[in-house]
Amino acid sequence: MALWEWNDAWCEATAARRRDYDAECDIAFRGDLALNINIAGRHRLDWAHGWHHLGIWETDRPETVDKAISGHEDAADFMFTTSRHVVGKIRPLAELLLPERA
């Protein structure tokens, strides 16, 4: 899961620079798909929230994420954002909600 917000550099960038940035990021995301990463969009959060967007990835192992992030670093994906990435494991919702019984 990735949470991110636009930083000051994004706010100061021209429309042309933002378009160039988006094109560079598209290359990185195509690389993610080539690694068989399932991506659940770029969901916009409420502007009152501290983070602007949320993205969710599903992949086979953490090493695949490391490889994908290298592609994003090469494309300067993080130039215009502050982000936080959380790695977890898929579990049935019932396991998270129901108390354990001895």
N, C-alpha and C. Protein backbone atom coordinates (compact mmCIF):
# COMPACT_ATOMS: atom_id res chain seq x y z
N MET A 1 0.86 -1.16 0.00
CA MET A 1 0.00 0.00 0.00
C MET A 1 0.90 1.23 0.00
N ALA A 2 0.55 2.19 -0.79
CA ALA A 2 1.32 3.43 -0.83
C ALA A 2 0.39 4.61 -0.57
N LEU A 3 0.82 5.48 0.30
CA LEU A 3 0.13 6.75 0.56
C LEU A 3 1.08 7.84 0.10
N TRP A 4 0.56 8.84 -0.59
CA TRP A 4 1.45 9.93 -0.97
C TRP A 4 0.71 11.25 -1.07
N GLU A 5 1.52 12.30 -1.02
CA GLU A 5 0.99 13.66 -1.16
C GLU A 5 1.92 14.43 -2.09
N TRP A 6 1.37 15.38 -2.79
CA TRP A 6 2.17 16.24 -3.66
C TRP A 6 3.00 17.16 -2.78
N ASN A 7 4.25 17.38 -3.17
CA ASN A 7 5.11 18.26 -2.39
C ASN A 7 5.19 19.66 -3.03
N ASP A 8 6.02 20.53 -2.47
CA ASP A 8 6.13 21.90 -2.97
C ASP A 8 6.63 21.95 -4.41
N ALA A 9 7.52 21.02 -4.77
CA ALA A 9 8.04 21.01 -6.14
C ALA A 9 6.91 20.77 -7.15
N TRP A 10 5.94 19.92 -6.78
CA TRP A 10 4.78 19.69 -7.65
C TRP A 10 3.97 20.97 -7.82
N CYS A 11 3.75 21.65 -6.72
CA CYS A 11 2.96 22.88 -6.75
C CYS A 11 3.63 23.96 -7.60
N GLU A 12 4.96 23.96 -7.63
CA GLU A 12 5.71 24.98 -8.36
C GLU A 12 5.97 24.59 -9.82
N ALA A 13 5.75 23.34 -10.19
CA ALA A 13 6.06 22.86 -11.54
C ALA A 13 5.07 23.42 -12.56
N THR A 14 5.57 23.61 -13.77
CA THR A 14 4.69 24.05 -14.87
C THR A 14 3.82 22.88 -15.31
N ALA A 15 2.77 23.19 -16.05
CA ALA A 15 1.89 22.14 -16.57
C ALA A 15 2.68 21.20 -17.48
N ALA A 16 3.59 21.74 -18.28
CA ALA A 16 4.40 20.90 -19.18
C ALA A 16 5.29 19.96 -18.38
N ARG A 17 5.90 20.44 -17.32
CA ARG A 17 6.77 19.59 -16.49
C ARG A 17 5.96 18.49 -15.81
N ARG A 18 4.74 18.81 -15.39
CA ARG A 18 3.88 17.79 -14.78
C ARG A 18 3.51 16.71 -15.79
N ARG A 19 3.23 17.12 -17.04
CA ARG A 19 2.91 16.13 -18.08
C ARG A 19 4.12 15.23 -18.35
N ASP A 20 5.31 15.82 -18.40
CA ASP A 20 6.53 15.03 -18.60
C ASP A 20 6.71 14.03 -17.46
N TYR A 21 6.48 14.50 -16.26
CA TYR A 21 6.59 13.65 -15.06
C TYR A 21 5.60 12.48 -15.15
N ASP A 22 4.35 12.77 -15.52
CA ASP A 22 3.35 11.72 -15.64
C ASP A 22 3.77 10.68 -16.68
N ALA A 23 4.36 11.14 -17.79
CA ALA A 23 4.81 10.21 -18.83
C ALA A 23 5.94 9.32 -18.31
N GLU A 24 6.85 9.89 -17.52
CA GLU A 24 7.94 9.11 -16.93
C GLU A 24 7.38 8.07 -15.95
N CYS A 25 6.40 8.46 -15.17
CA CYS A 25 5.78 7.53 -14.21
C CYS A 25 5.04 6.41 -14.93
N ASP A 26 4.41 6.73 -16.08
CA ASP A 26 3.72 5.70 -16.85
C ASP A 26 4.68 4.58 -17.25
N ILE A 27 5.92 4.94 -17.58
CA ILE A 27 6.93 3.93 -17.92
C ILE A 27 7.19 3.03 -16.72
N ALA A 28 7.33 3.63 -15.55
CA ALA A 28 7.57 2.84 -14.33
C ALA A 28 6.39 1.92 -14.04
N PHE A 29 5.17 2.40 -14.21
CA PHE A 29 4.01 1.56 -13.93
C PHE A 29 3.88 0.42 -14.95
N ARG A 30 4.29 0.65 -16.19
CA ARG A 30 4.31 -0.45 -17.16
C ARG A 30 5.30 -1.52 -16.71
N GLY A 31 6.42 -1.09 -16.11
CA GLY A 31 7.38 -2.04 -15.56
C GLY A 31 6.79 -2.86 -14.43
N ASP A 32 5.97 -2.22 -13.59
CA ASP A 32 5.29 -2.95 -12.51
C ASP A 32 4.40 -4.05 -13.09
N LEU A 33 3.64 -3.70 -14.10
CA LEU A 33 2.74 -4.68 -14.71
C LEU A 33 3.53 -5.82 -15.34
N ALA A 34 4.69 -5.51 -15.92
CA ALA A 34 5.55 -6.55 -16.50
C ALA A 34 6.06 -7.52 -15.43
N LEU A 35 6.14 -7.06 -14.19
CA LEU A 35 6.55 -7.92 -13.07
C LEU A 35 5.35 -8.67 -12.47
N ASN A 36 4.19 -8.60 -13.15
CA ASN A 36 2.96 -9.25 -12.69
C ASN A 36 2.45 -8.69 -11.36
N ILE A 37 2.65 -7.41 -11.14
CA ILE A 37 2.10 -6.75 -9.97
C ILE A 37 0.68 -6.29 -10.31
N ASN A 38 -0.26 -6.65 -9.46
CA ASN A 38 -1.64 -6.17 -9.62
C ASN A 38 -1.74 -4.83 -8.90
N ILE A 39 -2.22 -3.82 -9.61
CA ILE A 39 -2.30 -2.48 -9.04
C ILE A 39 -3.76 -2.05 -9.00
N ALA A 40 -4.22 -1.63 -7.83
CA ALA A 40 -5.59 -1.13 -7.67
C ALA A 40 -5.55 0.39 -7.67
N GLY A 41 -5.40 0.95 -8.84
CA GLY A 41 -5.55 2.36 -9.08
C GLY A 41 -4.77 3.35 -8.24
N ARG A 42 -5.16 4.59 -8.45
CA ARG A 42 -4.63 5.72 -7.69
C ARG A 42 -5.86 6.43 -7.14
N HIS A 43 -6.19 6.10 -5.93
CA HIS A 43 -7.43 6.60 -5.33
C HIS A 43 -7.17 7.92 -4.61
N ARG A 44 -7.95 8.92 -4.97
CA ARG A 44 -7.80 10.24 -4.35
C ARG A 44 -8.48 10.22 -2.99
N LEU A 45 -7.77 10.71 -1.99
CA LEU A 45 -8.33 10.82 -0.65
C LEU A 45 -8.92 12.21 -0.45
N ASP A 46 -9.71 12.37 0.57
CA ASP A 46 -10.29 13.67 0.92
C ASP A 46 -9.18 14.69 1.13
N TRP A 47 -9.34 15.89 0.61
CA TRP A 47 -8.30 16.91 0.73
C TRP A 47 -8.05 17.33 2.17
N ALA A 48 -8.99 17.04 3.04
CA ALA A 48 -8.77 17.35 4.45
C ALA A 48 -7.82 16.33 5.10
N HIS A 49 -7.60 15.22 4.42
CA HIS A 49 -6.70 14.18 4.93
C HIS A 49 -5.25 14.59 4.66
N GLY A 50 -4.33 14.12 5.46
CA GLY A 50 -2.91 14.45 5.28
C GLY A 50 -2.31 13.87 4.01
N TRP A 51 -2.83 12.74 3.54
CA TRP A 51 -2.33 12.11 2.32
C TRP A 51 -3.31 12.40 1.19
N HIS A 52 -2.80 12.60 -0.02
CA HIS A 52 -3.65 12.94 -1.16
C HIS A 52 -4.16 11.72 -1.92
N HIS A 53 -3.34 10.66 -1.99
CA HIS A 53 -3.70 9.49 -2.79
C HIS A 53 -3.32 8.20 -2.07
N LEU A 54 -3.98 7.13 -2.51
CA LEU A 54 -3.72 5.79 -2.00
C LEU A 54 -3.62 4.85 -3.20
N GLY A 55 -2.61 4.00 -3.19
CA GLY A 55 -2.47 2.96 -4.21
C GLY A 55 -2.24 1.63 -3.51
N ILE A 56 -2.81 0.57 -4.06
CA ILE A 56 -2.65 -0.76 -3.46
C ILE A 56 -2.07 -1.70 -4.52
N TRP A 57 -1.03 -2.39 -4.14
CA TRP A 57 -0.38 -3.38 -5.01
C TRP A 57 -0.55 -4.76 -4.40
N GLU A 58 -0.63 -5.76 -5.27
CA GLU A 58 -0.60 -7.15 -4.84
C GLU A 58 0.50 -7.84 -5.65
N THR A 59 1.41 -8.51 -4.95
CA THR A 59 2.53 -9.16 -5.63
C THR A 59 2.92 -10.45 -4.92
N ASP A 60 3.81 -11.19 -5.53
CA ASP A 60 4.17 -12.51 -5.00
C ASP A 60 5.11 -12.46 -3.80
N ARG A 61 5.99 -11.47 -3.74
CA ARG A 61 6.95 -11.41 -2.63
C ARG A 61 7.55 -10.02 -2.53
N PRO A 62 8.11 -9.67 -1.39
CA PRO A 62 8.68 -8.32 -1.20
C PRO A 62 9.80 -7.99 -2.19
N GLU A 63 10.56 -8.97 -2.62
CA GLU A 63 11.65 -8.71 -3.57
C GLU A 63 11.14 -8.14 -4.89
N THR A 64 9.95 -8.54 -5.28
CA THR A 64 9.35 -8.00 -6.50
C THR A 64 9.05 -6.51 -6.32
N VAL A 65 8.59 -6.15 -5.15
CA VAL A 65 8.33 -4.73 -4.86
C VAL A 65 9.64 -3.94 -4.91
N ASP A 66 10.70 -4.48 -4.33
CA ASP A 66 12.00 -3.81 -4.38
C ASP A 66 12.44 -3.55 -5.82
N LYS A 67 12.28 -4.56 -6.67
CA LYS A 67 12.66 -4.41 -8.08
C LYS A 67 11.81 -3.34 -8.75
N ALA A 68 10.52 -3.35 -8.47
CA ALA A 68 9.61 -2.36 -9.07
C ALA A 68 9.95 -0.95 -8.60
N ILE A 69 10.22 -0.78 -7.33
CA ILE A 69 10.54 0.54 -6.79
C ILE A 69 11.80 1.10 -7.44
N SER A 70 12.75 0.23 -7.78
CA SER A 70 13.95 0.68 -8.50
C SER A 70 13.57 1.35 -9.82
N GLY A 71 12.58 0.79 -10.50
CA GLY A 71 12.10 1.41 -11.74
C GLY A 71 11.47 2.76 -11.50
N HIS A 72 10.79 2.91 -10.37
CA HIS A 72 10.18 4.20 -10.03
C HIS A 72 11.26 5.22 -9.67
N GLU A 73 12.31 4.77 -9.00
CA GLU A 73 13.42 5.67 -8.68
C GLU A 73 14.11 6.13 -9.95
N ASP A 74 14.31 5.22 -10.92
CA ASP A 74 14.93 5.58 -12.20
C ASP A 74 14.10 6.61 -12.94
N ALA A 75 12.78 6.53 -12.82
CA ALA A 75 11.88 7.47 -13.49
C ALA A 75 11.66 8.74 -12.68
N ALA A 76 12.35 8.87 -11.56
CA ALA A 76 12.20 10.04 -10.67
C ALA A 76 10.76 10.20 -10.18
N ASP A 77 10.10 9.07 -9.95
CA ASP A 77 8.70 9.08 -9.50
C ASP A 77 8.52 9.83 -8.18
N PHE A 78 9.54 9.85 -7.35
CA PHE A 78 9.39 10.45 -6.02
C PHE A 78 9.82 11.91 -5.97
N MET A 79 10.14 12.49 -7.11
CA MET A 79 10.58 13.88 -7.19
C MET A 79 9.49 14.85 -6.71
N PHE A 80 8.25 14.54 -7.02
CA PHE A 80 7.15 15.46 -6.73
C PHE A 80 6.27 14.99 -5.58
N THR A 81 6.67 13.95 -4.86
CA THR A 81 5.80 13.43 -3.81
C THR A 81 6.56 13.13 -2.52
N THR A 82 5.82 13.14 -1.45
CA THR A 82 6.25 12.56 -0.19
C THR A 82 5.38 11.32 -0.03
N SER A 83 6.00 10.18 0.29
CA SER A 83 5.20 8.96 0.31
C SER A 83 5.57 8.07 1.49
N ARG A 84 4.64 7.19 1.79
CA ARG A 84 4.85 6.16 2.81
C ARG A 84 4.34 4.85 2.21
N HIS A 85 5.17 3.82 2.32
CA HIS A 85 4.82 2.51 1.78
C HIS A 85 4.70 1.51 2.93
N VAL A 86 3.65 0.71 2.87
CA VAL A 86 3.37 -0.28 3.91
C VAL A 86 3.30 -1.65 3.23
N VAL A 87 4.06 -2.61 3.74
CA VAL A 87 4.05 -3.96 3.19
C VAL A 87 3.34 -4.86 4.19
N GLY A 88 2.43 -5.66 3.70
CA GLY A 88 1.69 -6.56 4.57
C GLY A 88 1.36 -7.86 3.87
N LYS A 89 0.54 -8.63 4.50
CA LYS A 89 0.17 -9.95 4.01
C LYS A 89 -1.35 -10.04 3.97
N ILE A 90 -1.88 -10.61 2.90
CA ILE A 90 -3.33 -10.76 2.77
C ILE A 90 -3.82 -11.81 3.76
N ARG A 91 -4.84 -11.42 4.52
CA ARG A 91 -5.48 -12.34 5.48
C ARG A 91 -6.98 -12.18 5.36
N PRO A 92 -7.73 -13.25 5.64
CA PRO A 92 -9.18 -13.12 5.62
C PRO A 92 -9.64 -12.05 6.63
N LEU A 93 -10.60 -11.26 6.23
CA LEU A 93 -11.10 -10.19 7.09
C LEU A 93 -11.59 -10.74 8.43
N ALA A 94 -12.21 -11.91 8.41
CA ALA A 94 -12.73 -12.50 9.65
C ALA A 94 -11.61 -12.72 10.67
N GLU A 95 -10.41 -13.06 10.21
CA GLU A 95 -9.29 -13.24 11.13
C GLU A 95 -8.93 -11.93 11.84
N LEU A 96 -9.12 -10.85 11.17
CA LEU A 96 -8.77 -9.56 11.74
C LEU A 96 -9.85 -9.03 12.68
N LEU A 97 -11.10 -9.42 12.43
CA LEU A 97 -12.21 -8.86 13.19
C LEU A 97 -12.66 -9.72 14.37
N LEU A 98 -12.54 -11.02 14.22
CA LEU A 98 -13.05 -11.92 15.26
C LEU A 98 -11.95 -12.22 16.28
N PRO A 99 -12.31 -12.22 17.56
CA PRO A 99 -11.31 -12.56 18.58
C PRO A 99 -10.95 -14.04 18.50
N GLU A 100 -9.73 -14.34 18.88
CA GLU A 100 -9.30 -15.75 18.91
C GLU A 100 -9.99 -16.47 20.05
N ARG A 101 -10.33 -17.72 19.81
CA ARG A 101 -10.96 -18.54 20.85
C ARG A 101 -9.99 -19.66 21.22
N ALA A 102 -9.82 -19.85 22.50
CA ALA A 102 -8.90 -20.91 22.97
C ALA A 102 -9.52 -22.27 22.89
